Amino acid sequence: MKSKQLLERLSNKLTLLLLLVPFWGLSQNWMLVDILSQSNKELVYRIDDGKKLKKKRVKNPSVVALIASIEDKGFSLEAITQGVELELNGMLPVGTLSQRNFGTTQLNLDNNNRILLWFKKRE
């Protein structure tokens, strides 16, 4: 009886192992580059490689040069996406009924266009 239970346990573990192995082989290495700001003097971007997040500043403000430098490291550009990040900062005045003074709002609306570069590791 014990040998049958042992055989079933080993069979279950072997089946689980065989199911998980193909998923390890299908994992892909991606790098996401988020362009934070670009001026005529510098380019500020953030790199997410899945392990850590790094923020960098370079004196060359060219996005084309940035793409070329990342492709030289063994990545290929797969997609470019753009999104709008709306940020609302400030305070809403809180008035009571006895004061009847609603005051003025101090809200700032920032509109940031974000460009994301999606790189995939070449095989």
N, C-alpha and C. Protein backbone atom coordinates (compact mmCIF):
# COMPACT_ATOMS: atom_id res chain seq x y z
N MET A 1 0.81 -1.20 0.00
CA MET A 1 0.00 0.00 0.00
C MET A 1 0.86 1.26 0.00
N LYS A 2 1.94 1.23 0.80
CA LYS A 2 2.80 2.40 0.87
C LYS A 2 3.51 2.65 -0.45
N SER A 3 3.89 1.62 -1.14
CA SER A 3 4.58 1.80 -2.41
C SER A 3 3.64 2.40 -3.45
N LYS A 4 2.35 2.07 -3.38
CA LYS A 4 1.38 2.63 -4.31
C LYS A 4 1.20 4.13 -4.04
N GLN A 5 1.13 4.53 -2.76
CA GLN A 5 1.00 5.94 -2.41
C GLN A 5 2.26 6.71 -2.81
N LEU A 6 3.40 6.11 -2.59
CA LEU A 6 4.66 6.74 -2.97
C LEU A 6 4.73 6.93 -4.48
N LEU A 7 4.31 5.93 -5.22
CA LEU A 7 4.30 6.01 -6.68
C LEU A 7 3.34 7.10 -7.16
N GLU A 8 2.18 7.24 -6.52
CA GLU A 8 1.22 8.28 -6.88
C GLU A 8 1.78 9.67 -6.60
N ARG A 9 2.45 9.84 -5.46
CA ARG A 9 3.05 11.13 -5.13
C ARG A 9 4.13 11.51 -6.14
N LEU A 10 4.99 10.55 -6.47
CA LEU A 10 6.04 10.82 -7.45
C LEU A 10 5.44 11.13 -8.81
N SER A 11 4.39 10.43 -9.16
CA SER A 11 3.72 10.68 -10.43
C SER A 11 3.11 12.07 -10.47
N ASN A 12 2.49 12.49 -9.38
CA ASN A 12 1.91 13.84 -9.30
C ASN A 12 2.98 14.91 -9.40
N LYS A 13 4.11 14.71 -8.70
CA LYS A 13 5.19 15.69 -8.74
C LYS A 13 5.82 15.75 -10.12
N LEU A 14 5.97 14.60 -10.77
CA LEU A 14 6.54 14.56 -12.10
C LEU A 14 5.62 15.25 -13.11
N THR A 15 4.32 15.03 -12.96
CA THR A 15 3.36 15.69 -13.85
C THR A 15 3.41 17.20 -13.67
N LEU A 16 3.45 17.65 -12.43
CA LEU A 16 3.53 19.08 -12.16
C LEU A 16 4.81 19.67 -12.73
N LEU A 17 5.91 18.98 -12.57
CA LEU A 17 7.18 19.44 -13.09
C LEU A 17 7.15 19.53 -14.61
N LEU A 18 6.57 18.55 -15.27
CA LEU A 18 6.49 18.57 -16.72
C LEU A 18 5.56 19.66 -17.24
N LEU A 19 4.58 20.05 -16.44
CA LEU A 19 3.70 21.13 -16.85
C LEU A 19 4.35 22.50 -16.68
N LEU A 20 5.22 22.64 -15.69
CA LEU A 20 5.85 23.93 -15.43
C LEU A 20 7.06 24.21 -16.30
N VAL A 21 7.74 23.20 -16.76
CA VAL A 21 8.96 23.39 -17.54
C VAL A 21 8.73 24.20 -18.81
N PRO A 22 7.67 23.94 -19.60
CA PRO A 22 7.49 24.75 -20.81
C PRO A 22 7.28 26.23 -20.53
N PHE A 23 6.69 26.59 -19.38
CA PHE A 23 6.50 28.00 -19.08
C PHE A 23 7.81 28.70 -18.79
N TRP A 24 8.77 28.01 -18.22
CA TRP A 24 10.09 28.63 -18.01
C TRP A 24 10.75 28.92 -19.33
N GLY A 25 10.59 28.03 -20.30
CA GLY A 25 11.19 28.23 -21.61
C GLY A 25 10.54 29.32 -22.41
N LEU A 26 9.29 29.66 -22.11
CA LEU A 26 8.58 30.68 -22.87
C LEU A 26 8.74 32.09 -22.31
N SER A 27 9.45 32.23 -21.20
CA SER A 27 9.60 33.56 -20.63
C SER A 27 10.45 34.43 -21.55
N GLN A 28 10.07 35.69 -21.66
CA GLN A 28 10.77 36.61 -22.54
C GLN A 28 11.34 37.75 -21.70
N ASN A 29 12.44 38.27 -22.15
CA ASN A 29 13.05 39.40 -21.47
C ASN A 29 12.60 40.68 -22.16
N TRP A 30 11.89 41.50 -21.42
CA TRP A 30 11.39 42.77 -21.93
C TRP A 30 12.04 43.92 -21.18
N MET A 31 12.17 45.04 -21.86
CA MET A 31 12.64 46.26 -21.23
C MET A 31 11.68 47.37 -21.65
N LEU A 32 11.22 48.13 -20.69
CA LEU A 32 10.30 49.23 -20.94
C LEU A 32 11.03 50.53 -20.63
N VAL A 33 11.06 51.45 -21.61
CA VAL A 33 11.72 52.74 -21.43
C VAL A 33 10.64 53.81 -21.46
N ASP A 34 10.54 54.57 -20.39
CA ASP A 34 9.54 55.61 -20.24
C ASP A 34 10.24 56.96 -20.37
N ILE A 35 9.92 57.71 -21.43
CA ILE A 35 10.52 59.04 -21.63
C ILE A 35 9.79 60.01 -20.71
N LEU A 36 10.49 60.53 -19.70
CA LEU A 36 9.87 61.43 -18.73
C LEU A 36 9.85 62.87 -19.21
N SER A 37 10.98 63.35 -19.73
CA SER A 37 11.03 64.71 -20.25
C SER A 37 12.15 64.82 -21.28
N GLN A 38 11.94 65.74 -22.19
CA GLN A 38 12.92 65.97 -23.25
C GLN A 38 13.01 67.46 -23.49
N SER A 39 14.20 67.99 -23.41
CA SER A 39 14.43 69.40 -23.71
C SER A 39 15.56 69.47 -24.74
N ASN A 40 15.95 70.68 -25.10
CA ASN A 40 17.04 70.80 -26.07
C ASN A 40 18.40 70.53 -25.45
N LYS A 41 18.45 70.36 -24.12
CA LYS A 41 19.72 70.11 -23.45
C LYS A 41 19.88 68.68 -22.95
N GLU A 42 18.77 68.04 -22.53
CA GLU A 42 18.89 66.70 -21.96
C GLU A 42 17.62 65.89 -22.16
N LEU A 43 17.78 64.59 -21.97
CA LEU A 43 16.69 63.63 -22.05
C LEU A 43 16.64 62.88 -20.73
N VAL A 44 15.45 62.83 -20.12
CA VAL A 44 15.27 62.12 -18.85
C VAL A 44 14.34 60.95 -19.12
N TYR A 45 14.80 59.76 -18.75
CA TYR A 45 13.98 58.57 -18.98
C TYR A 45 14.15 57.59 -17.84
N ARG A 46 13.19 56.65 -17.77
CA ARG A 46 13.20 55.63 -16.73
C ARG A 46 13.19 54.27 -17.43
N ILE A 47 14.04 53.36 -16.95
CA ILE A 47 14.15 52.02 -17.53
C ILE A 47 13.60 51.01 -16.53
N ASP A 48 12.69 50.17 -17.00
CA ASP A 48 12.15 49.06 -16.20
C ASP A 48 12.50 47.77 -16.92
N ASP A 49 13.43 47.02 -16.36
CA ASP A 49 13.84 45.76 -16.99
C ASP A 49 13.24 44.54 -16.29
N GLY A 50 12.30 44.76 -15.40
CA GLY A 50 11.67 43.66 -14.68
C GLY A 50 12.35 43.34 -13.37
N LYS A 51 13.56 43.80 -13.18
CA LYS A 51 14.29 43.54 -11.95
C LYS A 51 14.39 44.79 -11.09
N LYS A 52 14.74 45.91 -11.74
CA LYS A 52 14.82 47.17 -11.00
C LYS A 52 14.45 48.33 -11.92
N LEU A 53 14.16 49.43 -11.29
CA LEU A 53 13.74 50.63 -11.98
C LEU A 53 14.87 51.65 -11.87
N LYS A 54 15.34 52.15 -13.01
CA LYS A 54 16.45 53.10 -13.01
C LYS A 54 16.02 54.37 -13.73
N LYS A 55 16.36 55.50 -13.15
CA LYS A 55 16.10 56.79 -13.79
C LYS A 55 17.42 57.36 -14.27
N LYS A 56 17.46 57.78 -15.53
CA LYS A 56 18.71 58.27 -16.11
C LYS A 56 18.50 59.61 -16.79
N ARG A 57 19.57 60.39 -16.81
CA ARG A 57 19.61 61.66 -17.54
C ARG A 57 20.80 61.60 -18.49
N VAL A 58 20.57 61.98 -19.73
CA VAL A 58 21.66 62.03 -20.70
C VAL A 58 21.67 63.41 -21.34
N LYS A 59 22.85 63.85 -21.69
CA LYS A 59 23.00 65.19 -22.30
C LYS A 59 22.57 65.20 -23.76
N ASN A 60 22.55 64.04 -24.41
CA ASN A 60 22.10 63.96 -25.79
C ASN A 60 20.59 63.79 -25.79
N PRO A 61 19.82 64.79 -26.24
CA PRO A 61 18.36 64.70 -26.13
C PRO A 61 17.68 63.92 -27.25
N SER A 62 18.43 63.13 -27.99
CA SER A 62 17.88 62.41 -29.14
C SER A 62 17.29 61.07 -28.71
N VAL A 63 16.00 60.86 -29.03
CA VAL A 63 15.35 59.58 -28.76
C VAL A 63 15.89 58.51 -29.70
N VAL A 64 16.24 58.91 -30.92
CA VAL A 64 16.79 57.96 -31.91
C VAL A 64 18.12 57.41 -31.42
N ALA A 65 18.96 58.26 -30.82
CA ALA A 65 20.23 57.79 -30.27
C ALA A 65 20.00 56.85 -29.09
N LEU A 66 18.98 57.13 -28.28
CA LEU A 66 18.65 56.25 -27.15
C LEU A 66 18.21 54.88 -27.66
N ILE A 67 17.36 54.84 -28.68
CA ILE A 67 16.91 53.57 -29.25
C ILE A 67 18.08 52.80 -29.82
N ALA A 68 18.98 53.47 -30.52
CA ALA A 68 20.15 52.81 -31.10
C ALA A 68 21.06 52.23 -30.02
N SER A 69 21.24 52.97 -28.90
CA SER A 69 22.11 52.46 -27.84
C SER A 69 21.52 51.24 -27.16
N ILE A 70 20.18 51.19 -27.01
CA ILE A 70 19.56 50.02 -26.39
C ILE A 70 19.57 48.83 -27.35
N GLU A 71 19.38 49.10 -28.65
CA GLU A 71 19.44 48.01 -29.63
C GLU A 71 20.84 47.42 -29.73
N ASP A 72 21.87 48.24 -29.46
CA ASP A 72 23.26 47.73 -29.44
C ASP A 72 23.49 46.76 -28.28
N LYS A 73 22.65 46.83 -27.25
CA LYS A 73 22.78 45.94 -26.10
C LYS A 73 22.04 44.61 -26.30
N GLY A 74 21.47 44.39 -27.49
CA GLY A 74 20.83 43.11 -27.78
C GLY A 74 19.32 43.12 -27.70
N PHE A 75 18.70 44.28 -27.69
CA PHE A 75 17.25 44.39 -27.66
C PHE A 75 16.75 44.91 -28.99
N SER A 76 15.51 44.57 -29.32
CA SER A 76 14.89 45.12 -30.53
C SER A 76 13.62 45.86 -30.14
N LEU A 77 13.39 46.99 -30.80
CA LEU A 77 12.22 47.81 -30.50
C LEU A 77 10.99 47.13 -31.07
N GLU A 78 10.03 46.80 -30.20
CA GLU A 78 8.81 46.10 -30.61
C GLU A 78 7.63 47.04 -30.79
N ALA A 79 7.50 48.04 -29.92
CA ALA A 79 6.34 48.94 -29.99
C ALA A 79 6.67 50.27 -29.34
N ILE A 80 5.96 51.29 -29.80
CA ILE A 80 6.01 52.61 -29.19
C ILE A 80 4.58 52.99 -28.85
N THR A 81 4.34 53.30 -27.59
CA THR A 81 2.99 53.70 -27.17
C THR A 81 3.07 55.07 -26.53
N GLN A 82 1.95 55.77 -26.60
CA GLN A 82 1.88 57.10 -26.00
C GLN A 82 0.64 57.16 -25.13
N GLY A 83 0.79 57.76 -23.99
CA GLY A 83 -0.34 57.92 -23.08
C GLY A 83 -0.33 59.29 -22.47
N VAL A 84 -1.45 59.69 -21.95
CA VAL A 84 -1.58 60.98 -21.30
C VAL A 84 -1.77 60.74 -19.82
N GLU A 85 -0.95 61.40 -19.02
CA GLU A 85 -1.04 61.29 -17.58
C GLU A 85 -1.57 62.62 -17.05
N LEU A 86 -2.77 62.59 -16.51
CA LEU A 86 -3.35 63.79 -15.92
C LEU A 86 -3.14 63.75 -14.42
N GLU A 87 -2.64 64.84 -13.88
CA GLU A 87 -2.33 64.90 -12.46
C GLU A 87 -3.03 66.11 -11.87
N LEU A 88 -3.81 65.88 -10.86
CA LEU A 88 -4.56 66.95 -10.20
C LEU A 88 -4.01 67.10 -8.79
N ASN A 89 -3.41 68.26 -8.51
CA ASN A 89 -2.81 68.52 -7.20
C ASN A 89 -3.45 69.75 -6.58
N GLY A 90 -3.53 69.78 -5.28
CA GLY A 90 -4.02 70.97 -4.61
C GLY A 90 -4.98 70.64 -3.49
N MET A 91 -5.73 71.66 -3.08
CA MET A 91 -6.65 71.51 -1.95
C MET A 91 -8.01 72.06 -2.35
N LEU A 92 -9.04 71.40 -1.88
CA LEU A 92 -10.39 71.93 -2.00
C LEU A 92 -10.72 72.64 -0.70
N PRO A 93 -11.27 73.83 -0.75
CA PRO A 93 -11.60 74.53 0.50
C PRO A 93 -12.76 73.84 1.21
N VAL A 94 -12.67 73.78 2.50
CA VAL A 94 -13.73 73.19 3.30
C VAL A 94 -14.41 74.32 4.05
N GLY A 95 -15.69 74.53 3.76
CA GLY A 95 -16.43 75.60 4.42
C GLY A 95 -17.54 75.02 5.27
N THR A 96 -17.88 75.71 6.28
CA THR A 96 -18.98 75.28 7.13
C THR A 96 -20.22 76.07 6.76
N LEU A 97 -21.36 75.62 7.20
CA LEU A 97 -22.61 76.32 6.88
C LEU A 97 -22.68 77.69 7.53
N SER A 98 -22.08 77.83 8.70
CA SER A 98 -22.17 79.11 9.40
C SER A 98 -21.31 80.18 8.72
N GLN A 99 -20.23 79.77 8.07
CA GLN A 99 -19.36 80.75 7.43
C GLN A 99 -19.91 81.19 6.07
N ARG A 100 -20.54 80.29 5.35
CA ARG A 100 -21.04 80.55 4.00
C ARG A 100 -19.94 81.12 3.10
N ASN A 101 -18.74 80.73 3.38
CA ASN A 101 -17.61 81.19 2.58
C ASN A 101 -16.98 79.95 1.94
N PHE A 102 -17.14 79.84 0.66
CA PHE A 102 -16.61 78.66 -0.02
C PHE A 102 -15.17 78.85 -0.46
N GLY A 103 -14.70 80.06 -0.49
CA GLY A 103 -13.31 80.32 -0.83
C GLY A 103 -12.99 79.99 -2.27
N THR A 104 -11.73 79.98 -2.56
CA THR A 104 -11.28 79.65 -3.92
C THR A 104 -10.51 78.34 -3.87
N THR A 105 -10.55 77.65 -4.96
CA THR A 105 -9.82 76.38 -5.02
C THR A 105 -8.37 76.65 -5.41
N GLN A 106 -7.51 75.78 -4.96
CA GLN A 106 -6.10 75.86 -5.32
C GLN A 106 -5.71 74.54 -5.97
N LEU A 107 -6.29 74.26 -7.10
CA LEU A 107 -6.03 73.02 -7.81
C LEU A 107 -5.19 73.28 -9.04
N ASN A 108 -4.19 72.46 -9.26
CA ASN A 108 -3.34 72.55 -10.44
C ASN A 108 -3.52 71.29 -11.27
N LEU A 109 -3.77 71.46 -12.54
CA LEU A 109 -3.93 70.33 -13.45
C LEU A 109 -2.71 70.26 -14.35
N ASP A 110 -1.97 69.17 -14.26
CA ASP A 110 -0.80 68.96 -15.11
C ASP A 110 -1.11 67.89 -16.14
N ASN A 111 -0.77 68.15 -17.37
CA ASN A 111 -0.99 67.23 -18.47
C ASN A 111 0.38 66.78 -18.97
N ASN A 112 0.70 65.53 -18.75
CA ASN A 112 2.00 64.99 -19.16
C ASN A 112 1.80 63.94 -20.23
N ASN A 113 2.35 64.17 -21.40
CA ASN A 113 2.34 63.15 -22.44
C ASN A 113 3.48 62.18 -22.17
N ARG A 114 3.19 60.90 -22.16
CA ARG A 114 4.20 59.89 -21.87
C ARG A 114 4.44 59.05 -23.11
N ILE A 115 5.68 58.83 -23.43
CA ILE A 115 6.06 57.95 -24.53
C ILE A 115 6.75 56.74 -23.93
N LEU A 116 6.26 55.55 -24.26
CA LEU A 116 6.83 54.31 -23.76
C LEU A 116 7.42 53.53 -24.93
N LEU A 117 8.65 53.10 -24.77
CA LEU A 117 9.34 52.29 -25.77
C LEU A 117 9.44 50.87 -25.23
N TRP A 118 8.91 49.90 -25.99
CA TRP A 118 8.89 48.50 -25.58
C TRP A 118 9.97 47.74 -26.34
N PHE A 119 10.97 47.23 -25.60
CA PHE A 119 12.06 46.47 -26.21
C PHE A 119 11.96 45.01 -25.80
N LYS A 120 12.32 44.12 -26.71
CA LYS A 120 12.34 42.69 -26.44
C LYS A 120 13.75 42.17 -26.69
N LYS A 121 14.21 41.31 -25.80
CA LYS A 121 15.56 40.75 -25.93
C LYS A 121 15.63 39.85 -27.15
N ARG A 122 16.65 40.06 -27.97
CA ARG A 122 16.83 39.20 -29.16
C ARG A 122 17.32 37.83 -28.74
N GLU A 123 16.89 36.83 -29.49
CA GLU A 123 17.29 35.45 -29.17
C GLU A 123 18.51 35.01 -29.94
